[in-house]
Amino acid sequence: SGTPSYVDVITPDTPASKSGIQPDDLILFIDREFIGSCEKFREVIAQFRPGDEVNVLLKRKKDILSIKLELD
């Protein structure tokens, strides 16, 4: 439950790959909800449905990026 929410692998032709999310990105927030662990990521993302658009704030190396992600 305390494992950071790092992106391990991006599958081609998924919303994550289309939005520009990359392996090793650290997901910090989803729609203003702090994501401090993989467990929290699963809990928050389960609240959304296909077609929903979420804002993802992530850390990539030294940069903080905001990405819009449409779920399928």
N, C-alpha and C. Protein backbone atom coordinates (compact mmCIF):
# COMPACT_ATOMS: atom_id res chain seq x y z
N SER A 1 0.82 -1.21 0.00
CA SER A 1 0.00 0.00 0.00
C SER A 1 0.85 1.26 0.00
N GLY A 2 2.11 1.17 0.43
CA GLY A 2 2.97 2.33 0.47
C GLY A 2 3.83 2.50 -0.76
N THR A 3 3.66 1.63 -1.76
CA THR A 3 4.46 1.72 -2.97
C THR A 3 4.08 2.97 -3.75
N PRO A 4 5.06 3.81 -4.10
CA PRO A 4 4.74 5.01 -4.88
C PRO A 4 4.07 4.65 -6.20
N SER A 5 3.30 5.57 -6.72
CA SER A 5 2.52 5.31 -7.93
C SER A 5 3.32 5.64 -9.19
N TYR A 6 4.44 4.94 -9.34
CA TYR A 6 5.25 5.08 -10.54
C TYR A 6 4.64 4.28 -11.67
N VAL A 7 4.74 4.80 -12.87
CA VAL A 7 4.28 4.09 -14.06
C VAL A 7 5.38 3.09 -14.42
N ASP A 8 5.01 1.84 -14.51
CA ASP A 8 5.97 0.79 -14.82
C ASP A 8 6.07 0.57 -16.33
N VAL A 9 4.93 0.31 -16.96
CA VAL A 9 4.89 -0.01 -18.40
C VAL A 9 3.70 0.72 -19.02
N ILE A 10 3.87 1.19 -20.24
CA ILE A 10 2.77 1.79 -20.99
C ILE A 10 2.45 0.88 -22.16
N THR A 11 1.22 0.43 -22.22
CA THR A 11 0.76 -0.42 -23.32
C THR A 11 0.39 0.46 -24.52
N PRO A 12 0.86 0.09 -25.71
CA PRO A 12 0.52 0.89 -26.90
C PRO A 12 -0.99 0.99 -27.11
N ASP A 13 -1.41 2.09 -27.71
CA ASP A 13 -2.81 2.34 -28.08
C ASP A 13 -3.76 2.37 -26.90
N THR A 14 -3.27 2.82 -25.75
CA THR A 14 -4.12 3.01 -24.57
C THR A 14 -4.23 4.51 -24.30
N PRO A 15 -5.21 4.92 -23.50
CA PRO A 15 -5.30 6.34 -23.17
C PRO A 15 -4.00 6.90 -22.59
N ALA A 16 -3.31 6.13 -21.77
CA ALA A 16 -2.06 6.60 -21.18
C ALA A 16 -1.01 6.85 -22.26
N SER A 17 -0.87 5.93 -23.20
CA SER A 17 0.13 6.12 -24.26
C SER A 17 -0.24 7.29 -25.16
N LYS A 18 -1.52 7.44 -25.45
CA LYS A 18 -1.97 8.54 -26.31
C LYS A 18 -1.81 9.90 -25.65
N SER A 19 -1.86 9.95 -24.32
CA SER A 19 -1.75 11.22 -23.60
C SER A 19 -0.30 11.64 -23.38
N GLY A 20 0.63 10.72 -23.59
CA GLY A 20 2.05 11.05 -23.41
C GLY A 20 2.63 10.60 -22.09
N ILE A 21 1.88 9.89 -21.28
CA ILE A 21 2.43 9.35 -20.04
C ILE A 21 3.52 8.34 -20.41
N GLN A 22 4.61 8.35 -19.63
CA GLN A 22 5.77 7.50 -19.94
C GLN A 22 6.16 6.64 -18.75
N PRO A 23 6.86 5.52 -19.02
CA PRO A 23 7.38 4.73 -17.92
C PRO A 23 8.27 5.59 -17.02
N ASP A 24 8.23 5.32 -15.75
CA ASP A 24 8.96 6.01 -14.69
C ASP A 24 8.34 7.34 -14.28
N ASP A 25 7.23 7.77 -14.91
CA ASP A 25 6.52 8.94 -14.42
C ASP A 25 5.94 8.61 -13.04
N LEU A 26 5.92 9.58 -12.18
CA LEU A 26 5.33 9.43 -10.85
C LEU A 26 4.01 10.20 -10.83
N ILE A 27 2.92 9.51 -10.63
CA ILE A 27 1.61 10.16 -10.60
C ILE A 27 1.42 10.79 -9.23
N LEU A 28 1.21 12.10 -9.22
CA LEU A 28 1.06 12.85 -7.97
C LEU A 28 -0.39 13.10 -7.60
N PHE A 29 -1.19 13.54 -8.59
CA PHE A 29 -2.59 13.86 -8.36
C PHE A 29 -3.43 13.39 -9.53
N ILE A 30 -4.66 13.00 -9.24
CA ILE A 30 -5.68 12.78 -10.26
C ILE A 30 -6.87 13.63 -9.84
N ASP A 31 -7.20 14.61 -10.68
CA ASP A 31 -8.30 15.54 -10.37
C ASP A 31 -8.26 16.03 -8.93
N ARG A 32 -7.14 16.60 -8.53
CA ARG A 32 -6.94 17.21 -7.21
C ARG A 32 -6.88 16.22 -6.06
N GLU A 33 -6.90 14.95 -6.34
CA GLU A 33 -6.81 13.92 -5.29
C GLU A 33 -5.36 13.44 -5.24
N PHE A 34 -4.71 13.60 -4.08
CA PHE A 34 -3.31 13.18 -3.93
C PHE A 34 -3.19 11.67 -4.07
N ILE A 35 -2.24 11.25 -4.88
CA ILE A 35 -2.00 9.83 -5.12
C ILE A 35 -0.66 9.47 -4.49
N GLY A 36 -0.71 8.97 -3.29
CA GLY A 36 0.53 8.68 -2.56
C GLY A 36 0.99 7.23 -2.66
N SER A 37 0.18 6.39 -3.30
CA SER A 37 0.54 4.98 -3.39
C SER A 37 -0.21 4.34 -4.55
N CYS A 38 0.22 3.14 -4.91
CA CYS A 38 -0.49 2.39 -5.96
C CYS A 38 -1.91 2.06 -5.51
N GLU A 39 -2.06 1.74 -4.23
CA GLU A 39 -3.39 1.44 -3.70
C GLU A 39 -4.33 2.64 -3.85
N LYS A 40 -3.83 3.84 -3.54
CA LYS A 40 -4.63 5.06 -3.66
C LYS A 40 -4.97 5.32 -5.13
N PHE A 41 -4.03 5.06 -6.04
CA PHE A 41 -4.29 5.21 -7.47
C PHE A 41 -5.46 4.33 -7.88
N ARG A 42 -5.44 3.06 -7.50
CA ARG A 42 -6.53 2.15 -7.86
C ARG A 42 -7.86 2.61 -7.28
N GLU A 43 -7.83 3.10 -6.05
CA GLU A 43 -9.05 3.58 -5.38
C GLU A 43 -9.64 4.79 -6.12
N VAL A 44 -8.80 5.74 -6.47
CA VAL A 44 -9.28 6.97 -7.12
C VAL A 44 -9.72 6.69 -8.55
N ILE A 45 -8.95 5.95 -9.31
CA ILE A 45 -9.29 5.71 -10.72
C ILE A 45 -10.56 4.88 -10.85
N ALA A 46 -10.87 4.07 -9.85
CA ALA A 46 -12.09 3.26 -9.87
C ALA A 46 -13.36 4.11 -9.79
N GLN A 47 -13.23 5.37 -9.36
CA GLN A 47 -14.39 6.26 -9.25
C GLN A 47 -14.85 6.80 -10.60
N PHE A 48 -14.02 6.63 -11.63
CA PHE A 48 -14.32 7.17 -12.95
C PHE A 48 -14.83 6.08 -13.87
N ARG A 49 -15.45 6.51 -14.95
CA ARG A 49 -16.03 5.59 -15.94
C ARG A 49 -15.42 5.85 -17.31
N PRO A 50 -15.53 4.88 -18.22
CA PRO A 50 -15.06 5.11 -19.59
C PRO A 50 -15.70 6.37 -20.18
N GLY A 51 -14.86 7.15 -20.85
CA GLY A 51 -15.32 8.41 -21.43
C GLY A 51 -15.04 9.61 -20.54
N ASP A 52 -14.82 9.38 -19.24
CA ASP A 52 -14.48 10.48 -18.34
C ASP A 52 -13.10 11.02 -18.70
N GLU A 53 -12.93 12.32 -18.53
CA GLU A 53 -11.63 12.95 -18.73
C GLU A 53 -11.11 13.38 -17.38
N VAL A 54 -9.88 12.99 -17.07
CA VAL A 54 -9.28 13.33 -15.78
C VAL A 54 -8.00 14.13 -16.03
N ASN A 55 -7.68 14.96 -15.07
CA ASN A 55 -6.42 15.70 -15.09
C ASN A 55 -5.42 14.95 -14.22
N VAL A 56 -4.28 14.66 -14.81
CA VAL A 56 -3.23 13.93 -14.11
C VAL A 56 -2.03 14.87 -13.94
N LEU A 57 -1.60 15.04 -12.70
CA LEU A 57 -0.40 15.81 -12.42
C LEU A 57 0.69 14.80 -12.10
N LEU A 58 1.78 14.86 -12.84
CA LEU A 58 2.83 13.86 -12.64
C LEU A 58 4.20 14.50 -12.62
N LYS A 59 5.14 13.76 -12.08
CA LYS A 59 6.53 14.19 -12.04
C LYS A 59 7.32 13.32 -12.99
N ARG A 60 8.05 13.97 -13.90
CA ARG A 60 8.93 13.27 -14.84
C ARG A 60 10.32 13.85 -14.66
N LYS A 61 11.19 13.06 -14.09
CA LYS A 61 12.53 13.52 -13.71
C LYS A 61 12.39 14.76 -12.82
N LYS A 62 12.80 15.94 -13.29
CA LYS A 62 12.70 17.15 -12.47
C LYS A 62 11.49 18.00 -12.81
N ASP A 63 10.71 17.59 -13.81
CA ASP A 63 9.59 18.39 -14.30
C ASP A 63 8.26 17.92 -13.71
N ILE A 64 7.36 18.87 -13.49
CA ILE A 64 5.98 18.58 -13.09
C ILE A 64 5.11 18.88 -14.31
N LEU A 65 4.32 17.90 -14.73
CA LEU A 65 3.50 18.02 -15.93
C LEU A 65 2.04 17.80 -15.60
N SER A 66 1.17 18.51 -16.30
CA SER A 66 -0.27 18.31 -16.21
C SER A 66 -0.75 17.72 -17.52
N ILE A 67 -1.44 16.59 -17.44
CA ILE A 67 -1.89 15.88 -18.63
C ILE A 67 -3.37 15.58 -18.50
N LYS A 68 -4.11 15.79 -19.59
CA LYS A 68 -5.52 15.38 -19.64
C LYS A 68 -5.57 13.98 -20.21
N LEU A 69 -6.35 13.14 -19.57
CA LEU A 69 -6.43 11.73 -19.93
C LEU A 69 -7.89 11.34 -20.07
N GLU A 70 -8.29 10.88 -21.24
CA GLU A 70 -9.65 10.39 -21.43
C GLU A 70 -9.65 8.88 -21.28
N LEU A 71 -10.44 8.41 -20.33
CA LEU A 71 -10.46 6.99 -20.00
C LEU A 71 -11.29 6.22 -21.02
N ASP A 72 -10.90 4.97 -21.26
CA ASP A 72 -11.70 4.13 -22.14
C ASP A 72 -12.13 2.89 -21.44
